[in-house]
C-alpha atoms as a PDB file:
ATOM      1  CA  MET A   1     116.523  55.431  75.174  1.00  0.00           C
ATOM      2  CA  SER A   2     115.966  55.239  78.930  1.00  0.00           C
ATOM      3  CA  ARG A   3     118.922  54.908  81.281  1.00  0.00           C
ATOM      4  CA  PRO A   4     119.410  51.640  83.168  1.00  0.00           C
ATOM      5  CA  PRO A   5     118.404  51.993  86.811  1.00  0.00           C
ATOM      6  CA  THR A   6     121.166  53.032  89.235  1.00  0.00           C
ATOM      7  CA  PRO A   7     122.037  50.236  91.655  1.00  0.00           C
ATOM      8  CA  PRO A   8     120.782  50.955  95.155  1.00  0.00           C
ATOM      9  CA  ALA A   9     123.406  52.518  97.374  1.00  0.00           C
ATOM     10  CA  VAL A  10     124.673  50.900 100.531  1.00  0.00           C
ATOM     11  CA  ARG A  11     125.269  53.510 103.217  1.00  0.00           C
ATOM     12  CA  LEU A  12     128.180  53.124 105.638  1.00  0.00           C
ATOM     13  CA  VAL A  13     129.256  55.500 108.403  1.00  0.00           C
ATOM     14  CA  ALA A  14     132.915  55.587 109.468  1.00  0.00           C
ATOM     15  CA  PRO A  15     133.204  54.755 113.202  1.00  0.00           C
ATOM     16  CA  PRO A  16     135.821  56.350 115.486  1.00  0.00           C
ATOM     17  CA  GLU A  17     138.139  53.338 115.291  1.00  0.00           C
ATOM     18  CA  GLN A  18     138.429  53.797 111.496  1.00  0.00           C
ATOM     19  CA  ASP A  19     139.396  57.476 111.729  1.00  0.00           C
ATOM     20  CA  GLY A  20     142.273  58.077 109.291  1.00  0.00           C
ATOM     21  CA  ALA A  21     141.884  54.805 107.377  1.00  0.00           C
ATOM     22  CA  ARG A  22     142.317  54.732 103.586  1.00  0.00           C
ATOM     23  CA  ILE A  23     139.037  54.371 101.749  1.00  0.00           C
ATOM     24  CA  ASP A  24     139.871  50.885 100.429  1.00  0.00           C
ATOM     25  CA  GLN A  25     140.908  49.736 103.916  1.00  0.00           C
ATOM     26  CA  PHE A  26     137.707  51.100 105.404  1.00  0.00           C
ATOM     27  CA  LEU A  27     135.538  49.411 102.777  1.00  0.00           C
ATOM     28  CA  ALA A  28     137.318  46.075 103.194  1.00  0.00           C
ATOM     29  CA  ALA A  29     136.809  46.249 106.966  1.00  0.00           C
ATOM     30  CA  ALA A  30     133.157  47.306 106.686  1.00  0.00           C
ATOM     31  CA  THR A  31     132.023  44.865 103.963  1.00  0.00           C
ATOM     32  CA  ALA A  32     132.624  41.320 102.773  1.00  0.00           C
ATOM     33  CA  LEU A  33     134.747  42.531  99.832  1.00  0.00           C
ATOM     34  CA  SER A  34     138.488  42.178  99.389  1.00  0.00           C
ATOM     35  CA  ARG A  35     140.689  45.273  99.237  1.00  0.00           C
ATOM     36  CA  ARG A  36     141.220  44.616  95.525  1.00  0.00           C
ATOM     37  CA  ALA A  37     137.465  44.597  94.923  1.00  0.00           C
ATOM     38  CA  CYS A  38     137.139  47.772  96.991  1.00  0.00           C
ATOM     39  CA  ARG A  39     139.819  49.501  94.929  1.00  0.00           C
ATOM     40  CA  SER A  40     137.937  48.516  91.763  1.00  0.00           C
ATOM     41  CA  LEU A  41     134.750  50.090  93.108  1.00  0.00           C
ATOM     42  CA  VAL A  42     136.595  53.321  93.868  1.00  0.00           C
ATOM     43  CA  ALA A  43     138.191  53.364  90.403  1.00  0.00           C
ATOM     44  CA  ALA A  44     134.769  52.832  88.816  1.00  0.00           C
ATOM     45  CA  GLY A  45     133.280  55.868  90.606  1.00  0.00           C
ATOM     46  CA  ALA A  46     130.909  53.695  92.624  1.00  0.00           C
ATOM     47  CA  VAL A  47     131.968  55.097  96.004  1.00  0.00           C
ATOM     48  CA  LEU A  48     130.821  58.458  97.382  1.00  0.00           C
ATOM     49  CA  ARG A  49     132.127  60.185 100.502  1.00  0.00           C
ATOM     50  CA  ASN A  50     129.657  62.694 101.958  1.00  0.00           C
ATOM     51  CA  GLY A  51     127.852  62.838  98.634  1.00  0.00           C
ATOM     52  CA  GLU A  52     130.922  63.317  96.416  1.00  0.00           C
ATOM     53  CA  VAL A  53     132.415  60.633  94.167  1.00  0.00           C
ATOM     54  CA  LEU A  54     135.832  59.322  95.213  1.00  0.00           C
ATOM     55  CA  ARG A  55     138.274  58.038  92.601  1.00  0.00           C
ATOM     56  CA  VAL A  56     141.589  58.183  94.470  1.00  0.00           C
ATOM     57  CA  GLN A  57     142.561  55.122  96.511  1.00  0.00           C
ATOM     58  CA  SER A  58     144.631  57.073  99.026  1.00  0.00           C
ATOM     59  CA  ARG A  59     141.724  59.226 100.233  1.00  0.00           C
ATOM     60  CA  THR A  60     141.039  58.707 103.934  1.00  0.00           C
ATOM     61  CA  VAL A  61     137.953  58.779 106.109  1.00  0.00           C
ATOM     62  CA  VAL A  62     137.303  60.463 109.443  1.00  0.00           C
ATOM     63  CA  ALA A  63     134.775  59.419 112.049  1.00  0.00           C
ATOM     64  CA  GLY A  64     131.290  60.382 110.891  1.00  0.00           C
ATOM     65  CA  ASP A  65     132.068  60.345 107.163  1.00  0.00           C
ATOM     66  CA  VAL A  66     129.206  58.871 105.159  1.00  0.00           C
ATOM     67  CA  ILE A  67     130.301  56.393 102.499  1.00  0.00           C
ATOM     68  CA  ASP A  68     127.687  55.408  99.904  1.00  0.00           C
ATOM     69  CA  VAL A  69     128.528  52.452  97.665  1.00  0.00           C
ATOM     70  CA  LEU A  70     126.512  52.089  94.459  1.00  0.00           C
ATOM     71  CA  ARG A  71     126.116  48.338  94.680  1.00  0.00           C
ATOM     72  CA  PRO A  72     123.369  46.079  96.052  1.00  0.00           C
ATOM     73  CA  ALA A  73     123.591  45.237  99.731  1.00  0.00           C
ATOM     74  CA  ASP A  74     123.830  41.487  99.132  1.00  0.00           C
ATOM     75  CA  GLU A  75     126.897  42.017  96.940  1.00  0.00           C
ATOM     76  CA  LEU A  76     128.655  43.791  99.813  1.00  0.00           C
ATOM     77  CA  GLY A  77     127.339  41.443 102.471  1.00  0.00           C
ATOM     78  CA  VAL A  78     126.028  44.238 104.710  1.00  0.00           C
ATOM     79  CA  PRO A  79     122.646  45.897 105.376  1.00  0.00           C
ATOM     80  CA  ALA A  80     121.659  48.738 103.066  1.00  0.00           C
ATOM     81  CA  ARG A  81     121.452  51.164 105.989  1.00  0.00           C
ATOM     82  CA  PRO A  82     123.328  51.188 109.301  1.00  0.00           C
ATOM     83  CA  SER A  83     121.435  50.721 112.546  1.00  0.00           C
ATOM     84  CA  LEU A  84     122.414  53.877 114.430  1.00  0.00           C
ATOM     85  CA  PRO A  85     119.542  55.142 116.599  1.00  0.00           C
ATOM     86  CA  LEU A  86     119.585  58.787 117.603  1.00  0.00           C
ATOM     87  CA  PRO A  87     119.924  59.638 121.294  1.00  0.00           C
ATOM     88  CA  VAL A  88     116.803  61.197 122.824  1.00  0.00           C
ATOM     89  CA  ILE A  89     116.554  64.703 121.366  1.00  0.00           C
ATOM     90  CA  LEU A  90     115.031  67.457 123.514  1.00  0.00           C
ATOM     91  CA  PHE A  91     115.412  70.257 120.951  1.00  0.00           C
ATOM     92  CA  GLU A  92     116.703  70.501 117.390  1.00  0.00           C
ATOM     93  CA  ASP A  93     116.887  73.119 114.675  1.00  0.00           C
ATOM     94  CA  ALA A  94     119.484  74.275 112.132  1.00  0.00           C
ATOM     95  CA  TRP A  95     121.508  76.026 114.864  1.00  0.00           C
ATOM     96  CA  LEU A  96     121.284  73.875 117.969  1.00  0.00           C
ATOM     97  CA  LEU A  97     120.636  70.391 119.201  1.00  0.00           C
ATOM     98  CA  VAL A  98     120.039  69.313 122.811  1.00  0.00           C
ATOM     99  CA  VAL A  99     120.085  65.648 123.796  1.00  0.00           C
ATOM    100  CA  ASP A 100     119.088  63.864 126.980  1.00  0.00           C
ATOM    101  CA  LYS A 101     122.281  62.160 128.164  1.00  0.00           C
ATOM    102  CA  PRO A 102     121.772  59.047 130.282  1.00  0.00           C
ATOM    103  CA  ALA A 103     123.864  58.539 133.403  1.00  0.00           C
ATOM    104  CA  TRP A 104     127.167  56.661 132.902  1.00  0.00           C
ATOM    105  CA  VAL A 105     127.553  57.854 129.319  1.00  0.00           C
ATOM    106  CA  LEU A 106     130.504  60.138 128.562  1.00  0.00           C
ATOM    107  CA  SER A 107     129.762  63.563 127.101  1.00  0.00           C
ATOM    108  CA  GLN A 108     132.811  63.367 124.825  1.00  0.00           C
ATOM    109  CA  PRO A 109     135.540  60.784 124.154  1.00  0.00           C
ATOM    110  CA  ALA A 110     138.058  60.231 126.936  1.00  0.00           C
ATOM    111  CA  GLU A 111     141.289  58.300 127.257  1.00  0.00           C
ATOM    112  CA  THR A 112     139.779  56.384 130.164  1.00  0.00           C
ATOM    113  CA  ALA A 113     136.833  55.085 128.108  1.00  0.00           C
ATOM    114  CA  ASP A 114     136.384  51.349 127.726  1.00  0.00           C
ATOM    115  CA  GLU A 115     137.072  49.832 124.316  1.00  0.00           C
ATOM    116  CA  GLY A 116     134.013  50.224 122.114  1.00  0.00           C
ATOM    117  CA  GLU A 117     132.381  52.749 124.472  1.00  0.00           C
ATOM    118  CA  LEU A 118     130.864  55.659 122.549  1.00  0.00           C
ATOM    119  CA  ALA A 119     130.403  59.062 124.139  1.00  0.00           C
ATOM    120  CA  ILE A 120     127.081  60.825 123.540  1.00  0.00           C
ATOM    121  CA  GLU A 121     128.919  63.166 121.141  1.00  0.00           C
ATOM    122  CA  GLN A 122     130.057  60.194 119.031  1.00  0.00           C
ATOM    123  CA  GLN A 123     126.645  58.506 119.144  1.00  0.00           C
ATOM    124  CA  LEU A 124     125.006  61.691 117.923  1.00  0.00           C
ATOM    125  CA  LEU A 125     127.606  62.311 115.198  1.00  0.00           C
ATOM    126  CA  LEU A 126     127.200  58.829 113.699  1.00  0.00           C
ATOM    127  CA  ALA A 127     123.396  58.821 113.893  1.00  0.00           C
ATOM    128  CA  LEU A 128     123.083  62.269 112.307  1.00  0.00           C
ATOM    129  CA  ALA A 129     125.501  61.259 109.555  1.00  0.00           C
ATOM    130  CA  ALA A 130     123.436  58.185 108.733  1.00  0.00           C
ATOM    131  CA  ARG A 131     120.247  60.261 108.721  1.00  0.00           C
ATOM    132  CA  GLU A 132     121.566  63.175 106.662  1.00  0.00           C
ATOM    133  CA  GLY A 133     123.883  61.417 104.220  1.00  0.00           C
ATOM    134  CA  ARG A 134     126.978  63.447 105.017  1.00  0.00           C
ATOM    135  CA  ARG A 135     129.210  64.204 107.965  1.00  0.00           C
ATOM    136  CA  PRO A 136     127.383  66.882 109.972  1.00  0.00           C
ATOM    137  CA  PHE A 137     128.798  69.909 111.716  1.00  0.00           C
ATOM    138  CA  LEU A 138     128.531  69.136 115.426  1.00  0.00           C
ATOM    139  CA  ARG A 139     130.299  70.766 118.382  1.00  0.00           C
ATOM    140  CA  LEU A 140     129.780  70.012 122.051  1.00  0.00           C
ATOM    141  CA  VAL A 141     129.128  73.287 123.916  1.00  0.00           C
ATOM    142  CA  HIS A 142     129.279  72.050 127.522  1.00  0.00           C
ATOM    143  CA  ARG A 143     129.977  68.789 129.356  1.00  0.00           C
ATOM    144  CA  LEU A 144     128.283  66.749 132.033  1.00  0.00           C
ATOM    145  CA  ASP A 145     130.131  64.296 134.263  1.00  0.00           C
ATOM    146  CA  ARG A 146     129.833  60.658 133.216  1.00  0.00           C
ATOM    147  CA  ALA A 147     127.479  59.818 136.100  1.00  0.00           C
ATOM    148  CA  THR A 148     125.318  62.942 135.660  1.00  0.00           C
ATOM    149  CA  SER A 149     122.217  62.684 133.479  1.00  0.00           C
ATOM    150  CA  GLY A 150     120.334  65.371 131.587  1.00  0.00           C
ATOM    151  CA  ALA A 151     120.438  68.055 128.932  1.00  0.00           C
ATOM    152  CA  VAL A 152     123.616  68.508 126.844  1.00  0.00           C
ATOM    153  CA  LEU A 153     123.894  71.259 124.226  1.00  0.00           C
ATOM    154  CA  PHE A 154     125.516  70.991 120.782  1.00  0.00           C
ATOM    155  CA  ALA A 155     126.031  73.580 118.039  1.00  0.00           C
ATOM    156  CA  ARG A 156     124.889  72.515 114.565  1.00  0.00           C
ATOM    157  CA  LYS A 157     126.604  75.316 112.628  1.00  0.00           C
ATOM    158  CA  GLU A 158     129.861  77.190 113.070  1.00  0.00           C
ATOM    159  CA  GLN A 159     128.182  80.597 113.316  1.00  0.00           C
ATOM    160  CA  ALA A 160     126.478  79.478 116.540  1.00  0.00           C
ATOM    161  CA  LEU A 161     129.732  78.960 118.449  1.00  0.00           C
ATOM    162  CA  PRO A 162     130.879  82.579 119.093  1.00  0.00           C
ATOM    163  CA  ARG A 163     127.323  83.648 119.958  1.00  0.00           C
ATOM    164  CA  LEU A 164     126.918  80.791 122.428  1.00  0.00           C
ATOM    165  CA  ALA A 165     130.322  81.581 123.953  1.00  0.00           C
ATOM    166  CA  ALA A 166     129.298  85.214 124.387  1.00  0.00           C
ATOM    167  CA  SER A 167     126.047  84.171 126.087  1.00  0.00           C
ATOM    168  CA  TRP A 168     127.988  81.946 128.480  1.00  0.00           C
ATOM    169  CA  ARG A 169     130.471  84.726 129.345  1.00  0.00           C
ATOM    170  CA  SER A 170     127.747  87.305 129.949  1.00  0.00           C
ATOM    171  CA  GLY A 171     125.761  85.033 132.269  1.00  0.00           C
ATOM    172  CA  GLU A 172     122.727  84.817 129.954  1.00  0.00           C
ATOM    173  CA  VAL A 173     122.660  81.013 130.144  1.00  0.00           C
ATOM    174  CA  ASP A 174     120.568  79.587 132.978  1.00  0.00           C
ATOM    175  CA  ARG A 175     121.416  76.007 133.973  1.00  0.00           C
ATOM    176  CA  ARG A 176     119.168  74.218 136.434  1.00  0.00           C
ATOM    177  CA  TYR A 177     120.068  70.957 138.177  1.00  0.00           C
ATOM    178  CA  LEU A 178     118.101  68.609 140.385  1.00  0.00           C
ATOM    179  CA  ALA A 179     119.980  66.874 143.181  1.00  0.00           C
ATOM    180  CA  VAL A 180     119.032  64.526 145.975  1.00  0.00           C
ATOM    181  CA  VAL A 181     121.098  65.514 149.001  1.00  0.00           C
ATOM    182  CA  ALA A 182     121.947  63.769 152.244  1.00  0.00           C
ATOM    183  CA  GLY A 183     120.745  65.897 155.156  1.00  0.00           C
ATOM    184  CA  ASP A 184     117.871  68.211 156.086  1.00  0.00           C
ATOM    185  CA  PRO A 185     118.641  71.777 154.903  1.00  0.00           C
ATOM    186  CA  GLU A 186     118.140  74.432 157.555  1.00  0.00           C
ATOM    187  CA  LEU A 187     116.874  76.980 155.021  1.00  0.00           C
ATOM    188  CA  ASP A 188     114.478  76.623 152.100  1.00  0.00           C
ATOM    189  CA  GLN A 189     116.717  78.803 149.916  1.00  0.00           C
ATOM    190  CA  LEU A 190     120.339  79.860 150.044  1.00  0.00           C
ATOM    191  CA  GLU A 191     123.139  81.074 147.809  1.00  0.00           C
ATOM    192  CA  VAL A 192     126.647  79.651 148.002  1.00  0.00           C
ATOM    193  CA  ASP A 193     129.337  82.112 146.900  1.00  0.00           C
ATOM    194  CA  ARG A 194     132.634  80.294 147.405  1.00  0.00           C
ATOM    195  CA  PRO A 195     135.560  80.017 144.944  1.00  0.00           C
ATOM    196  CA  ILE A 196     136.503  76.574 143.683  1.00  0.00           C
ATOM    197  CA  GLY A 197     139.943  75.151 142.868  1.00  0.00           C
ATOM    198  CA  ARG A 198     141.469  71.763 142.225  1.00  0.00           C
ATOM    199  CA  ASP A 199     142.184  69.553 145.233  1.00  0.00           C
ATOM    200  CA  ARG A 200     145.921  68.912 144.923  1.00  0.00           C
ATOM    201  CA  ALA A 201     145.632  65.844 147.136  1.00  0.00           C
ATOM    202  CA  HIS A 202     143.215  64.086 144.774  1.00  0.00           C
ATOM    203  CA  ARG A 203     143.452  63.868 141.000  1.00  0.00           C
ATOM    204  CA  TRP A 204     139.716  63.995 140.269  1.00  0.00           C
ATOM    205  CA  ARG A 205     138.380  66.181 143.072  1.00  0.00           C
ATOM    206  CA  PHE A 206     137.788  69.915 143.469  1.00  0.00           C
ATOM    207  CA  GLN A 207     137.250  71.929 146.630  1.00  0.00           C
ATOM    208  CA  VAL A 208     136.283  75.322 148.015  1.00  0.00           C
ATOM    209  CA  ASP A 209     139.538  77.274 147.832  1.00  0.00           C
ATOM    210  CA  PRO A 210     140.030  81.019 148.548  1.00  0.00           C
ATOM    211  CA  ALA A 211     142.630  81.045 145.768  1.00  0.00           C
ATOM    212  CA  GLY A 212     140.272  79.330 143.326  1.00  0.00           C
ATOM    213  CA  ARG A 213     137.969  80.741 140.654  1.00  0.00           C
ATOM    214  CA  PRO A 214     134.767  82.561 141.658  1.00  0.00           C
ATOM    215  CA  ALA A 215     131.748  80.258 141.881  1.00  0.00           C
ATOM    216  CA  ARG A 216     128.109  80.956 142.806  1.00  0.00           C
ATOM    217  CA  THR A 217     125.214  78.537 143.111  1.00  0.00           C
ATOM    218  CA  THR A 218     121.638  79.124 144.313  1.00  0.00           C
ATOM    219  CA  ILE A 219     119.939  76.241 146.115  1.00  0.00           C
ATOM    220  CA  ARG A 220     116.185  75.819 146.659  1.00  0.00           C
ATOM    221  CA  VAL A 221     114.591  72.979 148.603  1.00  0.00           C
ATOM    222  CA  LEU A 222     111.766  71.285 146.682  1.00  0.00           C
ATOM    223  CA  VAL A 223     110.945  68.215 148.771  1.00  0.00           C
ATOM    224  CA  ARG A 224     112.101  67.099 152.225  1.00  0.00           C
ATOM    225  CA  HIS A 225     112.106  63.415 153.174  1.00  0.00           C
ATOM    226  CA  ALA A 226     111.795  61.838 156.615  1.00  0.00           C
ATOM    227  CA  ALA A 227     114.671  59.525 155.719  1.00  0.00           C
ATOM    228  CA  GLY A 228     117.087  62.437 156.037  1.00  0.00           C
ATOM    229  CA  THR A 229     117.334  63.438 152.395  1.00  0.00           C
ATOM    230  CA  ALA A 230     115.934  66.287 150.324  1.00  0.00           C
ATOM    231  CA  LEU A 231     115.325  67.090 146.665  1.00  0.00           C
ATOM    232  CA  VAL A 232     116.860  70.447 145.784  1.00  0.00           C
ATOM    233  CA  GLU A 233     117.104  72.632 142.712  1.00  0.00           C
ATOM    234  CA  CYS A 234     120.492  74.235 141.998  1.00  0.00           C
ATOM    235  CA  ARG A 235     121.074  77.061 139.553  1.00  0.00           C
ATOM    236  CA  LEU A 236     124.569  77.803 138.346  1.00  0.00           C
ATOM    237  CA  LEU A 237     125.471  81.495 138.326  1.00  0.00           C
ATOM    238  CA  THR A 238     128.979  80.516 137.213  1.00  0.00           C
ATOM    239  CA  GLY A 239     130.278  77.349 135.610  1.00  0.00           C
ATOM    240  CA  ARG A 240     133.079  75.485 137.380  1.00  0.00           C
ATOM    241  CA  THR A 241     133.973  71.816 137.212  1.00  0.00           C
ATOM    242  CA  HIS A 242     131.947  69.852 139.804  1.00  0.00           C
ATOM    243  CA  GLN A 243     130.437  73.140 141.011  1.00  0.00           C
ATOM    244  CA  VAL A 244     127.093  71.769 142.235  1.00  0.00           C
ATOM    245  CA  ARG A 245     128.740  68.802 143.959  1.00  0.00           C
ATOM    246  CA  VAL A 246     131.428  70.930 145.642  1.00  0.00           C
ATOM    247  CA  HIS A 247     129.046  73.638 146.848  1.00  0.00           C
ATOM    248  CA  LEU A 248     126.465  71.193 148.192  1.00  0.00           C
ATOM    249  CA  ALA A 249     129.159  69.271 150.067  1.00  0.00           C
ATOM    250  CA  ALA A 250     130.571  72.559 151.413  1.00  0.00           C
ATOM    251  CA  VAL A 251     127.248  73.411 153.142  1.00  0.00           C
ATOM    252  CA  GLY A 252     126.899  69.902 154.582  1.00  0.00           C
ATOM    253  CA  LEU A 253     124.520  68.567 151.932  1.00  0.00           C
ATOM    254  CA  PRO A 254     126.512  66.156 149.735  1.00  0.00           C
ATOM    255  CA  VAL A 255     124.720  64.625 146.757  1.00  0.00           C
ATOM    256  CA  VAL A 256     123.356  61.191 147.643  1.00  0.00           C
ATOM    257  CA  GLY A 257     125.644  58.558 146.115  1.00  0.00           C
ATOM    258  CA  ASP A 258     128.549  60.991 145.689  1.00  0.00           C
ATOM    259  CA  ARG A 259     131.262  59.236 147.670  1.00  0.00           C
ATOM    260  CA  LEU A 260     133.924  61.492 146.127  1.00  0.00           C
ATOM    261  CA  TYR A 261     132.478  64.443 148.041  1.00  0.00           C
ATOM    262  CA  GLY A 262     131.639  62.728 151.316  1.00  0.00           C
ATOM    263  CA  ALA A 263     128.125  61.347 150.910  1.00  0.00           C
ATOM    264  CA  PRO A 264     127.394  58.545 153.379  1.00  0.00           C
ATOM    265  CA  PRO A 265     126.999  55.027 151.927  1.00  0.00           C
ATOM    266  CA  ARG A 266     123.501  54.463 150.556  1.00  0.00           C
ATOM    267  CA  PRO A 267     122.918  51.098 148.854  1.00  0.00           C
ATOM    268  CA  ALA A 268     119.962  52.353 146.812  1.00  0.00           C
ATOM    269  CA  ALA A 269     122.050  55.029 145.055  1.00  0.00           C
ATOM    270  CA  ALA A 270     124.035  53.534 142.182  1.00  0.00           C
ATOM    271  CA  ARG A 271     125.394  56.977 141.231  1.00  0.00           C
ATOM    272  CA  PRO A 272     125.484  60.556 142.476  1.00  0.00           C
ATOM    273  CA  LEU A 273     121.845  61.619 142.097  1.00  0.00           C
ATOM    274  CA  LEU A 274     122.465  64.743 140.023  1.00  0.00           C
ATOM    275  CA  HIS A 275     120.461  65.631 136.913  1.00  0.00           C
ATOM    276  CA  ALA A 276     120.775  68.559 134.460  1.00  0.00           C
ATOM    277  CA  ALA A 277     117.062  69.331 134.344  1.00  0.00           C
ATOM    278  CA  GLY A 278     116.866  72.645 132.530  1.00  0.00           C
ATOM    279  CA  LEU A 279     118.716  74.899 130.136  1.00  0.00           C
ATOM    280  CA  GLU A 280     117.626  78.414 129.190  1.00  0.00           C
ATOM    281  CA  LEU A 281     119.563  80.643 126.788  1.00  0.00           C
ATOM    282  CA  PRO A 282     119.202  83.179 123.971  1.00  0.00           C
ATOM    283  CA  HIS A 283     118.935  81.438 120.618  1.00  0.00           C
ATOM    284  CA  PRO A 284     122.106  82.186 118.624  1.00  0.00           C
ATOM    285  CA  GLY A 285     120.085  82.729 115.462  1.00  0.00           C
ATOM    286  CA  ASP A 286     117.390  85.231 116.437  1.00  0.00           C
ATOM    287  CA  GLY A 287     118.015  85.936 120.128  1.00  0.00           C
ATOM    288  CA  ARG A 288     114.678  84.587 121.369  1.00  0.00           C
ATOM    289  CA  ARG A 289     114.750  83.036 124.829  1.00  0.00           C
ATOM    290  CA  LEU A 290     114.909  79.251 124.480  1.00  0.00           C
ATOM    291  CA  ARG A 291     113.916  76.960 127.347  1.00  0.00           C
ATOM    292  CA  ILE A 292     114.652  73.238 127.304  1.00  0.00           C
ATOM    293  CA  GLU A 293     113.609  70.767 129.992  1.00  0.00           C
ATOM    294  CA  SER A 294     114.890  67.265 130.689  1.00  0.00           C
ATOM    295  CA  PRO A 295     112.521  65.145 132.812  1.00  0.00           C
ATOM    296  CA  PRO A 296     114.028  63.442 135.869  1.00  0.00           C
ATOM    297  CA  PRO A 297     115.197  59.880 135.132  1.00  0.00           C
ATOM    298  CA  ALA A 298     113.829  56.749 136.780  1.00  0.00           C
ATOM    299  CA  ASP A 299     116.271  56.700 139.701  1.00  0.00           C
ATOM    300  CA  PHE A 300     114.881  60.079 140.867  1.00  0.00           C
ATOM    301  CA  ALA A 301     111.308  58.764 141.070  1.00  0.00           C
ATOM    302  CA  PRO A 302     111.385  57.780 144.789  1.00  0.00           C
ATOM    303  CA  TYR A 303     112.471  61.322 145.717  1.00  0.00           C
ATOM    304  CA  LEU A 304     110.028  63.463 143.716  1.00  0.00           C
ATOM    305  CA  GLU A 305     107.065  63.330 146.077  1.00  0.00           C
ATOM    306  CA  ALA A 306     106.505  63.719 149.784  1.00  0.00           C
ATOM    307  CA  GLY A 307     104.669  60.437 150.197  1.00  0.00           C
ATOM    308  CA  VAL A 308     105.215  57.250 152.180  1.00  0.00           C
ATOM    309  CA  GLY A 309     108.405  57.429 154.246  1.00  0.00           C
ATOM    310  CA  THR A 310     108.726  61.214 153.916  1.00  0.00           C
ATOM    311  CA  SER A 311     107.939  64.093 156.225  1.00  0.00           C
ATOM    312  CA  GLY A 312     105.791  65.905 153.694  1.00  0.00           C
ATOM    313  CA  ARG A 313     107.625  69.203 154.264  1.00  0.00           C
ATOM    314  CA  GLY A 314     108.494  71.009 151.058  1.00  0.00           C
ATOM    315  CA  GLY A 315     105.717  69.642 148.864  1.00  0.00           C
ATOM    316  CA  ASN A 316     105.959  67.492 145.760  1.00  0.00           C
ATOM    317  CA  TYR A 317     108.136  68.136 142.723  1.00  0.00           C
ATOM    318  CA  ARG A 318     106.399  69.504 139.660  1.00  0.00           C
ATOM    319  CA  ALA A 319     108.312  69.957 136.442  1.00  0.00           C
ATOM    320  CA  PRO A 320     108.252  73.518 135.060  1.00  0.00           C
ATOM    321  CA  GLY A 321     105.410  74.030 132.614  1.00  0.00           C
END
């Protein structure tokens, strides 16, 4: 005798605001069912958390848990699958994942975030969970400021974390930023070697400070503009908070739009024009050199070429091949 077909499963992914909720509370909030009906589903073995059947009402969920309910979608009053698009992925394998973070998106959750605002870490966690059917392992390896766009690295397995940390400590990680700066640099290339510490007079600002932590940045001019700006490439030889912004401001070249570090008002710049354009590091699995590029976003477009309204000195920007 053949078995009756298994009812199609409805897939739900626990959002951050439901972290710590009991399974029946989560189901009642996520579907059209009452808590009593949700408890009955759990008791009947019709609810799975990350692929395993739940039968205890007091079990809780954490953000990113995948809850499959073995009932038709119309019975629960929700779609069969959540609509959780993945952020733009620049690189992905079993060890690592690199996403292209848009400007004004947090790298990770913050107390200052608006209600309902999801950091790129949370967006990625929920989308991967929906895709893979279980809560994934995901750890943010480095942060970008909210207003900074570009490549952000995540570890996809625990074994990657100590190897990535060792690469960071030994200076094997090459991070390349593009910045549009206010001013005409005197030199085509320079290195800034100035320690950085917190500015005690301002909660969010850092400054060059002899008592601060060592910080080194190389700067290379790519394009000069007649309007008194330039496109530069910055490579971090150390990693300090706001390092690129502090060092550029310290040599009289603040990032366009960066009012925190003294950039003049510029109506066309809705943010500090800073972009994490490249990341190069040894792969934590096999040690091969991995190179990831993030193309400049749309607000960089007017500054990439020496065309109309520019001096033409410094050439046009060409992404690394």
